[in-house]
Structures are given as C-alpha cells and as structure tokens.
PDB file of N, CA and C in Angstrom:
ATOM      1  N   UNK A   1     136.544  28.817 193.671  1.00  0.00           N
ATOM      2  CA  UNK A   1     135.319  29.108 194.394  1.00  0.00           C
ATOM      3  C   UNK A   1     135.522  28.682 195.851  1.00  0.00           C
ATOM      4  N   UNK A   2     135.215  29.582 196.755  1.00  0.00           N
ATOM      5  CA  UNK A   2     135.408  29.275 198.176  1.00  0.00           C
ATOM      6  C   UNK A   2     134.482  28.139 198.635  1.00  0.00           C
ATOM      7  N   UNK A   3     134.917  27.439 199.659  1.00  0.00           N
ATOM      8  CA  UNK A   3     134.221  26.243 200.132  1.00  0.00           C
ATOM      9  C   UNK A   3     132.782  26.531 200.561  1.00  0.00           C
ATOM     10  N   UNK A   4     132.536  27.650 201.198  1.00  0.00           N
ATOM     11  CA  UNK A   4     131.172  27.957 201.646  1.00  0.00           C
ATOM     12  C   UNK A   4     130.228  28.129 200.451  1.00  0.00           C
ATOM     13  N   UNK A   5     130.717  28.734 199.373  1.00  0.00           N
ATOM     14  CA  UNK A   5     129.895  28.891 198.171  1.00  0.00           C
ATOM     15  C   UNK A   5     129.690  27.547 197.486  1.00  0.00           C
ATOM     16  N   UNK A   6     130.733  26.721 197.455  1.00  0.00           N
ATOM     17  CA  UNK A   6     130.609  25.364 196.889  1.00  0.00           C
ATOM     18  C   UNK A   6     129.515  24.574 197.602  1.00  0.00           C
ATOM     19  N   UNK A   7     129.569  24.575 198.922  1.00  0.00           N
ATOM     20  CA  UNK A   7     128.588  23.813 199.716  1.00  0.00           C
ATOM     21  C   UNK A   7     127.173  24.338 199.475  1.00  0.00           C
ATOM     22  N   UNK A   8     127.021  25.644 199.441  1.00  0.00           N
ATOM     23  CA  UNK A   8     125.706  26.244 199.206  1.00  0.00           C
ATOM     24  C   UNK A   8     125.204  25.904 197.810  1.00  0.00           C
ATOM     25  N   UNK A   9     126.065  25.985 196.811  1.00  0.00           N
ATOM     26  CA  UNK A   9     125.678  25.690 195.438  1.00  0.00           C
ATOM     27  C   UNK A   9     125.255  24.228 195.276  1.00  0.00           C
ATOM     28  N   UNK A  10     125.991  23.321 195.888  1.00  0.00           N
ATOM     29  CA  UNK A  10     125.627  21.897 195.825  1.00  0.00           C
ATOM     30  C   UNK A  10     124.271  21.676 196.488  1.00  0.00           C
ATOM     31  N   UNK A  11     124.063  22.293 197.626  1.00  0.00           N
ATOM     32  CA  UNK A  11     122.787  22.166 198.335  1.00  0.00           C
ATOM     33  C   UNK A  11     121.635  22.684 197.473  1.00  0.00           C
ATOM     34  N   UNK A  12     121.819  23.814 196.830  1.00  0.00           N
ATOM     35  CA  UNK A  12     120.762  24.383 195.989  1.00  0.00           C
ATOM     36  C   UNK A  12     120.528  23.512 194.768  1.00  0.00           C
ATOM     37  N   UNK A  13     121.589  23.024 194.136  1.00  0.00           N
ATOM     38  CA  UNK A  13     121.424  22.116 192.997  1.00  0.00           C
ATOM     39  C   UNK A  13     120.649  20.871 193.424  1.00  0.00           C
ATOM     40  N   UNK A  14     121.030  20.282 194.545  1.00  0.00           N
ATOM     41  CA  UNK A  14     120.329  19.090 195.049  1.00  0.00           C
ATOM     42  C   UNK A  14     118.853  19.372 195.263  1.00  0.00           C
ATOM     43  N   UNK A  15     118.549  20.485 195.888  1.00  0.00           N
ATOM     44  CA  UNK A  15     117.163  20.849 196.183  1.00  0.00           C
ATOM     45  C   UNK A  15     116.353  21.044 194.897  1.00  0.00           C
ATOM     46  N   UNK A  16     116.948  21.714 193.915  1.00  0.00           N
ATOM     47  CA  UNK A  16     116.259  21.940 192.638  1.00  0.00           C
ATOM     48  C   UNK A  16     116.039  20.627 191.889  1.00  0.00           C
ATOM     49  N   UNK A  17     117.033  19.755 191.900  1.00  0.00           N
ATOM     50  CA  UNK A  17     116.928  18.467 191.206  1.00  0.00           C
ATOM     51  C   UNK A  17     115.837  17.619 191.837  1.00  0.00           C
ATOM     52  N   UNK A  18     115.791  17.566 193.155  1.00  0.00           N
ATOM     53  CA  UNK A  18     114.759  16.790 193.852  1.00  0.00           C
ATOM     54  C   UNK A  18     113.368  17.349 193.535  1.00  0.00           C
ATOM     55  N   UNK A  19     113.252  18.667 193.525  1.00  0.00           N
ATOM     56  CA  UNK A  19     111.946  19.298 193.322  1.00  0.00           C
ATOM     57  C   UNK A  19     111.457  19.223 191.877  1.00  0.00           C
ATOM     58  N   UNK A  20     112.396  19.347 190.911  1.00  0.00           N
ATOM     59  CA  UNK A  20     111.963  19.490 189.519  1.00  0.00           C
ATOM     60  C   UNK A  20     112.557  18.479 188.558  1.00  0.00           C
ATOM     61  N   UNK A  21     113.421  17.591 189.028  1.00  0.00           N
ATOM     62  CA  UNK A  21     113.987  16.552 188.169  1.00  0.00           C
ATOM     63  C   UNK A  21     115.333  16.927 187.568  1.00  0.00           C
ATOM     64  N   UNK A  22     115.930  15.952 186.889  1.00  0.00           N
ATOM     65  CA  UNK A  22     117.273  16.097 186.327  1.00  0.00           C
ATOM     66  C   UNK A  22     117.375  17.144 185.220  1.00  0.00           C
ATOM     67  N   UNK A  23     116.272  17.506 184.616  1.00  0.00           N
ATOM     68  CA  UNK A  23     116.306  18.459 183.502  1.00  0.00           C
ATOM     69  C   UNK A  23     116.234  19.919 183.958  1.00  0.00           C
ATOM     70  N   UNK A  24     116.134  20.156 185.252  1.00  0.00           N
ATOM     71  CA  UNK A  24     115.978  21.531 185.739  1.00  0.00           C
ATOM     72  C   UNK A  24     117.248  22.344 185.460  1.00  0.00           C
ATOM     73  N   UNK A  25     117.022  23.562 185.006  1.00  0.00           N
ATOM     74  CA  UNK A  25     118.123  24.469 184.750  1.00  0.00           C
ATOM     75  C   UNK A  25     118.176  25.561 185.810  1.00  0.00           C
ATOM     76  N   UNK A  26     119.334  26.193 185.911  1.00  0.00           N
ATOM     77  CA  UNK A  26     119.482  27.313 186.830  1.00  0.00           C
ATOM     78  C   UNK A  26     120.615  28.201 186.366  1.00  0.00           C
ATOM     79  N   UNK A  27     120.684  29.379 186.941  1.00  0.00           N
ATOM     80  CA  UNK A  27     121.799  30.286 186.695  1.00  0.00           C
ATOM     81  C   UNK A  27     122.527  30.485 188.023  1.00  0.00           C
ATOM     82  N   UNK A  28     123.661  31.155 187.974  1.00  0.00           N
ATOM     83  CA  UNK A  28     124.399  31.358 189.225  1.00  0.00           C
ATOM     84  C   UNK A  28     123.631  32.254 190.191  1.00  0.00           C
ATOM     85  N   UNK A  29     122.654  32.998 189.691  1.00  0.00           N
ATOM     86  CA  UNK A  29     121.831  33.825 190.574  1.00  0.00           C
ATOM     87  C   UNK A  29     121.024  32.968 191.549  1.00  0.00           C
ATOM     88  N   UNK A  30     120.807  31.703 191.233  1.00  0.00           N
ATOM     89  CA  UNK A  30     120.056  30.805 192.112  1.00  0.00           C
ATOM     90  C   UNK A  30     120.761  30.621 193.457  1.00  0.00           C
ATOM     91  N   UNK A  31     122.045  30.914 193.512  1.00  0.00           N
ATOM     92  CA  UNK A  31     122.817  30.733 194.731  1.00  0.00           C
ATOM     93  C   UNK A  31     122.703  31.923 195.686  1.00  0.00           C
ATOM     94  N   UNK A  32     121.917  32.929 195.309  1.00  0.00           N
ATOM     95  CA  UNK A  32     121.825  34.162 196.079  1.00  0.00           C
ATOM     96  C   UNK A  32     120.377  34.569 196.312  1.00  0.00           C
ATOM     97  N   UNK A  33     120.165  35.349 197.353  1.00  0.00           N
ATOM     98  CA  UNK A  33     118.848  35.942 197.606  1.00  0.00           C
ATOM     99  C   UNK A  33     118.605  37.020 196.551  1.00  0.00           C
ATOM    100  N   UNK A  34     117.440  37.551 196.536  1.00  0.00           N
ATOM    101  CA  UNK A  34     117.093  38.574 195.552  1.00  0.00           C
ATOM    102  C   UNK A  34     117.612  39.952 195.937  1.00  0.00           C
ATOM    103  N   UNK A  35     118.730  39.973 196.627  1.00  0.00           N
ATOM    104  CA  UNK A  35     119.365  41.243 196.962  1.00  0.00           C
ATOM    105  C   UNK A  35     120.868  41.057 196.863  1.00  0.00           C
ATOM    106  N   UNK A  36     121.550  42.113 196.611  1.00  0.00           N
ATOM    107  CA  UNK A  36     122.995  42.074 196.431  1.00  0.00           C
ATOM    108  C   UNK A  36     123.679  42.457 197.742  1.00  0.00           C
ATOM    109  N   UNK A  37     123.634  41.548 198.714  1.00  0.00           N
ATOM    110  CA  UNK A  37     124.212  41.855 200.021  1.00  0.00           C
ATOM    111  C   UNK A  37     125.664  41.404 200.164  1.00  0.00           C
ATOM    112  N   UNK A  38     126.196  40.687 199.170  1.00  0.00           N
ATOM    113  CA  UNK A  38     127.602  40.279 199.189  1.00  0.00           C
ATOM    114  C   UNK A  38     128.147  40.318 197.762  1.00  0.00           C
ATOM    115  N   UNK A  39     128.469  41.522 197.261  1.00  0.00           N
ATOM    116  CA  UNK A  39     128.895  41.646 195.870  1.00  0.00           C
ATOM    117  C   UNK A  39     130.167  40.867 195.542  1.00  0.00           C
ATOM    118  N   UNK A  40     131.074  40.712 196.491  1.00  0.00           N
ATOM    119  CA  UNK A  40     132.299  39.946 196.230  1.00  0.00           C
ATOM    120  C   UNK A  40     131.987  38.474 195.982  1.00  0.00           C
ATOM    121  N   UNK A  41     131.072  37.924 196.759  1.00  0.00           N
ATOM    122  CA  UNK A  41     130.686  36.530 196.578  1.00  0.00           C
ATOM    123  C   UNK A  41     129.929  36.345 195.264  1.00  0.00           C
ATOM    124  N   UNK A  42     129.058  37.292 194.937  1.00  0.00           N
ATOM    125  CA  UNK A  42     128.338  37.248 193.668  1.00  0.00           C
ATOM    126  C   UNK A  42     129.321  37.288 192.501  1.00  0.00           C
ATOM    127  N   UNK A  43     130.309  38.160 192.590  1.00  0.00           N
ATOM    128  CA  UNK A  43     131.312  38.246 191.541  1.00  0.00           C
ATOM    129  C   UNK A  43     132.103  36.947 191.433  1.00  0.00           C
ATOM    130  N   UNK A  44     132.418  36.343 192.558  1.00  0.00           N
ATOM    131  CA  UNK A  44     133.151  35.070 192.550  1.00  0.00           C
ATOM    132  C   UNK A  44     132.362  33.996 191.812  1.00  0.00           C
ATOM    133  N   UNK A  45     131.067  33.905 192.091  1.00  0.00           N
ATOM    134  CA  UNK A  45     130.208  32.925 191.412  1.00  0.00           C
ATOM    135  C   UNK A  45     130.105  33.244 189.924  1.00  0.00           C
ATOM    136  N   UNK A  46     129.938  34.520 189.594  1.00  0.00           N
ATOM    137  CA  UNK A  46     129.838  34.921 188.185  1.00  0.00           C
ATOM    138  C   UNK A  46     131.135  34.610 187.440  1.00  0.00           C
ATOM    139  N   UNK A  47     132.250  34.883 188.051  1.00  0.00           N
ATOM    140  CA  UNK A  47     133.548  34.611 187.430  1.00  0.00           C
ATOM    141  C   UNK A  47     133.717  33.119 187.168  1.00  0.00           C
ATOM    142  N   UNK A  48     133.398  32.301 188.167  1.00  0.00           N
ATOM    143  CA  UNK A  48     133.493  30.846 188.014  1.00  0.00           C
ATOM    144  C   UNK A  48     132.602  30.382 186.868  1.00  0.00           C
ATOM    145  N   UNK A  49     131.392  30.891 186.813  1.00  0.00           N
ATOM    146  CA  UNK A  49     130.386  30.476 185.829  1.00  0.00           C
ATOM    147  C   UNK A  49     130.739  30.954 184.420  1.00  0.00           C
ATOM    148  N   UNK A  50     131.053  32.242 184.303  1.00  0.00           N
ATOM    149  CA  UNK A  50     131.211  32.860 182.983  1.00  0.00           C
ATOM    150  C   UNK A  50     132.644  32.775 182.462  1.00  0.00           C
ATOM    151  N   UNK A  51     133.606  33.209 183.257  1.00  0.00           N
ATOM    152  CA  UNK A  51     134.987  33.255 182.789  1.00  0.00           C
ATOM    153  C   UNK A  51     135.668  31.890 182.836  1.00  0.00           C
ATOM    154  N   UNK A  52     135.537  31.181 183.948  1.00  0.00           N
ATOM    155  CA  UNK A  52     136.246  29.920 184.097  1.00  0.00           C
ATOM    156  C   UNK A  52     135.661  28.821 183.228  1.00  0.00           C
ATOM    157  N   UNK A  53     134.325  28.696 183.239  1.00  0.00           N
ATOM    158  CA  UNK A  53     133.687  27.574 182.535  1.00  0.00           C
ATOM    159  C   UNK A  53     132.931  27.965 181.278  1.00  0.00           C
ATOM    160  N   UNK A  54     132.806  29.259 181.007  1.00  0.00           N
ATOM    161  CA  UNK A  54     132.127  29.758 179.808  1.00  0.00           C
ATOM    162  C   UNK A  54     130.755  29.108 179.624  1.00  0.00           C
ATOM    163  N   UNK A  55     129.996  29.077 180.714  1.00  0.00           N
ATOM    164  CA  UNK A  55     128.671  28.463 180.699  1.00  0.00           C
ATOM    165  C   UNK A  55     127.635  29.449 180.183  1.00  0.00           C
ATOM    166  N   UNK A  56     126.550  28.907 179.634  1.00  0.00           N
ATOM    167  CA  UNK A  56     125.416  29.730 179.228  1.00  0.00           C
ATOM    168  C   UNK A  56     124.726  30.267 180.468  1.00  0.00           C
ATOM    169  N   UNK A  57     123.818  31.222 180.261  1.00  0.00           N
ATOM    170  CA  UNK A  57     123.117  31.814 181.395  1.00  0.00           C
ATOM    171  C   UNK A  57     122.390  30.746 182.212  1.00  0.00           C
ATOM    172  N   UNK A  58     121.673  29.845 181.554  1.00  0.00           N
ATOM    173  CA  UNK A  58     121.006  28.735 182.234  1.00  0.00           C
ATOM    174  C   UNK A  58     121.691  27.435 181.840  1.00  0.00           C
ATOM    175  N   UNK A  59     121.986  26.629 182.843  1.00  0.00           N
ATOM    176  CA  UNK A  59     122.593  25.312 182.643  1.00  0.00           C
ATOM    177  C   UNK A  59     121.847  24.302 183.503  1.00  0.00           C
ATOM    178  N   UNK A  60     121.973  23.045 183.162  1.00  0.00           N
ATOM    179  CA  UNK A  60     121.340  21.982 183.952  1.00  0.00           C
ATOM    180  C   UNK A  60     121.993  21.925 185.329  1.00  0.00           C
ATOM    181  N   UNK A  61     121.166  21.807 186.338  1.00  0.00           N
ATOM    182  CA  UNK A  61     121.670  21.736 187.715  1.00  0.00           C
ATOM    183  C   UNK A  61     122.586  20.532 187.908  1.00  0.00           C
ATOM    184  N   UNK A  62     122.292  19.424 187.236  1.00  0.00           N
ATOM    185  CA  UNK A  62     123.147  18.236 187.377  1.00  0.00           C
ATOM    186  C   UNK A  62     124.548  18.504 186.826  1.00  0.00           C
ATOM    187  N   UNK A  63     124.647  19.283 185.755  1.00  0.00           N
ATOM    188  CA  UNK A  63     125.946  19.634 185.182  1.00  0.00           C
ATOM    189  C   UNK A  63     126.736  20.526 186.142  1.00  0.00           C
ATOM    190  N   UNK A  64     126.075  21.526 186.697  1.00  0.00           N
ATOM    191  CA  UNK A  64     126.732  22.448 187.634  1.00  0.00           C
ATOM    192  C   UNK A  64     127.192  21.683 188.871  1.00  0.00           C
ATOM    193  N   UNK A  65     126.321  20.834 189.388  1.00  0.00           N
ATOM    194  CA  UNK A  65     126.669  20.041 190.578  1.00  0.00           C
ATOM    195  C   UNK A  65     127.896  19.174 190.298  1.00  0.00           C
ATOM    196  N   UNK A  66     127.923  18.537 189.141  1.00  0.00           N
ATOM    197  CA  UNK A  66     129.052  17.665 188.789  1.00  0.00           C
ATOM    198  C   UNK A  66     130.358  18.465 188.698  1.00  0.00           C
ATOM    199  N   UNK A  67     130.315  19.641 188.115  1.00  0.00           N
ATOM    200  CA  UNK A  67     131.512  20.482 188.029  1.00  0.00           C
ATOM    201  C   UNK A  67     132.020  20.862 189.417  1.00  0.00           C
ATOM    202  N   UNK A  68     131.109  21.233 190.282  1.00  0.00           N
ATOM    203  CA  UNK A  68     131.500  21.662 191.628  1.00  0.00           C
ATOM    204  C   UNK A  68     132.053  20.492 192.434  1.00  0.00           C
ATOM    205  N   UNK A  69     131.377  19.352 192.368  1.00  0.00           N
ATOM    206  CA  UNK A  69     131.835  18.169 193.106  1.00  0.00           C
ATOM    207  C   UNK A  69     133.217  17.723 192.605  1.00  0.00           C
ATOM    208  N   UNK A  70     133.455  17.861 191.305  1.00  0.00           N
ATOM    209  CA  UNK A  70     134.746  17.476 190.726  1.00  0.00           C
ATOM    210  C   UNK A  70     135.855  18.467 191.078  1.00  0.00           C
ATOM    211  N   UNK A  71     135.477  19.572 191.728  1.00  0.00           N
ATOM    212  CA  UNK A  71     136.471  20.551 192.128  1.00  0.00           C
ATOM    213  C   UNK A  71     136.900  21.481 191.025  1.00  0.00           C
ATOM    214  N   UNK A  72     136.094  21.585 190.004  1.00  0.00           N
ATOM    215  CA  UNK A  72     136.447  22.452 188.867  1.00  0.00           C
ATOM    216  C   UNK A  72     135.940  23.842 189.062  1.00  0.00           C
TER     217      UNK A  72
END
C-alpha cells in the first residue's frame, strides 16, 4: 500500500475511533469519497484488504490501524 494511502487510512481510522470508540467498524470504502475518481487507488486498497489480509467487509478500525502501522 502506497504511503499516501497508508497515511490517509490511519487518519480516517483515528477519526472514527475518536468519534465512535474502539468498537467502530469500517470497510476500505471509508478511505474514499462517494465517487470513483481514482480507480487504481481504490483497487490498491481493495487488494490489500481482500487479497492480502482476507478481511471481512467490515472490520474494527483499531485492527485496521494496527495492521497499517505495523507495515503489513
């Protein structure tokens, strides 16, 4: 996952956790606006989420943040 997407994903996870607590879930779509203006980046996030880590559609934001921070 490219560094710009990592930074954005961590920021979004942090924001969701602060707003809704440690139990908040999200999908990789949370990292994008409601439009498909960068399909390559969307595919990169989907690949990381689905193929690399075999995550469910919704996962806890704290889990996603930990994976990203660990460089996985």
